[in-house]
Protein backbone atom coordinates (compact mmCIF):
# COMPACT_ATOMS: atom_id res chain seq x y z
CA MET A 1 95.17 75.14 85.08
CA THR A 2 99.30 74.21 85.47
CA GLU A 3 100.63 73.20 88.89
CA ILE A 4 103.37 75.75 89.54
CA SER A 5 106.84 74.17 90.99
CA LEU A 6 109.10 76.42 92.64
CA ASN A 7 112.51 75.69 93.94
CA PRO A 8 112.29 75.12 97.70
CA PHE A 9 114.99 77.72 98.11
CA ILE A 10 113.15 80.16 95.97
CA ALA A 11 109.92 79.78 97.56
CA ILE A 12 111.30 80.13 101.32
CA LEU A 13 113.21 83.51 99.72
CA ILE A 14 109.59 84.60 98.51
CA SER A 15 107.96 83.65 101.55
CA LEU A 16 110.50 85.59 103.63
CA LEU A 17 110.41 88.65 101.80
CA LEU A 18 106.53 88.89 102.11
CA LEU A 19 106.74 88.31 105.77
CA PHE A 20 109.28 90.80 106.22
CA GLY A 21 107.30 93.52 104.08
CA THR A 22 104.22 92.49 106.00
CA PHE A 23 106.18 93.06 109.20
CA PHE A 24 107.12 96.34 108.43
CA ILE A 25 103.85 97.49 106.94
CA LEU A 26 102.51 96.25 110.48
CA SER A 27 105.15 98.09 112.34
CA THR A 28 104.30 101.33 110.39
CA SER A 29 100.77 101.32 111.38
CA ILE A 30 101.46 100.75 114.87
CA GLY A 31 104.06 103.55 114.83
CA LEU A 32 101.60 105.94 113.62
CA ILE A 33 99.04 105.05 116.11
CA ARG A 34 101.31 105.02 119.00
CA LEU A 35 103.95 107.77 118.17
CA PRO A 36 103.65 111.18 120.00
CA ASP A 37 104.18 113.74 117.20
CA VAL A 38 104.28 114.13 113.65
CA TYR A 39 107.83 113.77 113.17
CA THR A 40 108.19 110.65 114.73
CA ARG A 41 105.18 109.65 112.77
CA SER A 42 106.46 110.94 109.70
CA HIS A 43 110.03 108.81 110.26
CA ALA A 44 107.74 105.75 110.94
CA ALA A 45 105.57 105.89 108.01
CA SER A 46 108.60 106.54 105.52
CA LYS A 47 110.90 104.15 106.73
CA GLY A 48 108.66 101.61 107.56
CA ALA A 49 106.33 101.77 104.33
CA THR A 50 109.49 102.00 102.14
CA LEU A 51 110.76 98.68 103.28
CA GLY A 52 107.52 96.77 103.54
CA ILE A 53 106.41 98.01 100.15
CA ALA A 54 109.74 97.48 98.48
CA SER A 55 110.04 94.06 100.18
CA ILE A 56 106.44 92.79 98.92
CA LEU A 57 106.95 94.04 95.52
CA LEU A 58 110.27 92.35 95.39
CA GLY A 59 108.65 89.16 96.40
CA ALA A 60 106.07 89.44 93.95
CA PHE A 61 108.65 90.14 91.41
CA LEU A 62 110.64 87.06 92.05
CA TYR A 63 107.53 84.87 92.36
CA PHE A 64 106.61 85.90 88.62
CA LEU A 65 110.07 85.56 87.58
CA PHE A 66 110.49 81.91 88.83
CA ALA A 67 106.97 80.80 88.89
CA HIS A 68 105.65 82.14 85.53
CA GLY A 69 109.13 82.92 83.75
CA GLU A 70 107.69 86.57 83.29
CA LEU A 71 110.18 89.50 83.76
CA SER A 72 107.67 92.19 85.29
CA THR A 73 109.05 95.78 84.31
CA SER A 74 106.57 97.21 86.12
CA LEU A 75 107.07 95.76 89.31
CA LEU A 76 110.83 96.74 89.03
CA LEU A 77 109.76 100.25 88.11
CA GLY A 78 107.52 100.22 91.04
CA ILE A 79 110.44 99.08 93.53
CA ILE A 80 112.54 102.23 92.10
CA PHE A 81 109.66 104.66 92.52
CA VAL A 82 108.99 103.61 95.96
CA LEU A 83 112.80 103.46 97.31
CA LEU A 84 113.23 106.89 95.43
CA THR A 85 109.94 108.94 96.40
CA LEU A 86 108.90 107.73 99.77
CA PRO A 87 111.93 108.95 101.77
CA VAL A 88 112.04 112.24 100.26
CA SER A 89 108.44 112.86 100.80
CA GLY A 90 108.61 111.84 104.22
CA HIS A 91 111.44 114.21 104.69
CA MET A 92 109.71 117.37 102.89
CA ILE A 93 106.44 116.76 104.91
CA ALA A 94 108.09 116.75 108.14
CA ARG A 95 110.10 120.01 107.09
CA ALA A 96 106.88 121.53 105.85
CA ALA A 97 105.25 120.74 109.37
CA TYR A 98 108.28 122.24 110.89
CA ASN A 99 108.45 125.43 108.81
CA SER A 100 104.68 126.01 109.47
CA GLY A 101 105.32 125.90 113.12
CA VAL A 102 103.91 122.06 114.20
CA PRO A 103 105.48 121.84 117.63
CA LEU A 104 107.68 118.96 118.78
CA TRP A 105 106.74 116.42 121.22
CA ASP A 106 107.31 117.99 124.88
CA LYS A 107 109.97 115.44 125.82
CA SER A 108 112.12 116.22 122.82
CA VAL A 109 115.70 116.22 123.79
CA GLN A 110 117.32 117.99 120.97
CA ASN A 111 115.99 120.33 117.91
CA GLU A 112 118.83 120.40 115.34
CA LEU A 113 116.92 122.05 112.74
CA ASP A 114 116.36 125.26 115.28
CA GLN A 115 120.05 125.16 116.17
CA LYS A 116 120.65 125.12 112.27
CA GLN A 117 118.02 128.08 111.62
CA LYS A 118 119.70 130.21 114.50
CA ARG A 119 123.45 129.85 112.86
CA ARG A 120 122.18 130.94 109.41
CA GLU A 121 120.49 134.09 111.14
CA LYS A 122 123.58 135.00 112.74
CA VAL A 123 125.51 135.30 109.27
């Protein structure tokens, strides 16, 4: 097996991306457990998982590019797919929960979607 030698700057960058991604995945996990309702959980899951997964995939992409000289198009496609689909799916899940009558947290201050629907009903 050949020994891998990376530029120290690239090695630090890859390590930071992996740590950054791990931090966001851990934050997402804690948010899913601790947050009070489906809407705040959906927000934590979509934002944190998007940044976490994209960072880990980018770190893996850079590792394979600089350590092995391989351009991994599947990792690039994975990053693009995650960045495009996770935020949209989180939004659509929250919208479906709202339309099916899932209540907001009782300490919620503002319900902008309800205000928009009331304006539409007046027209």
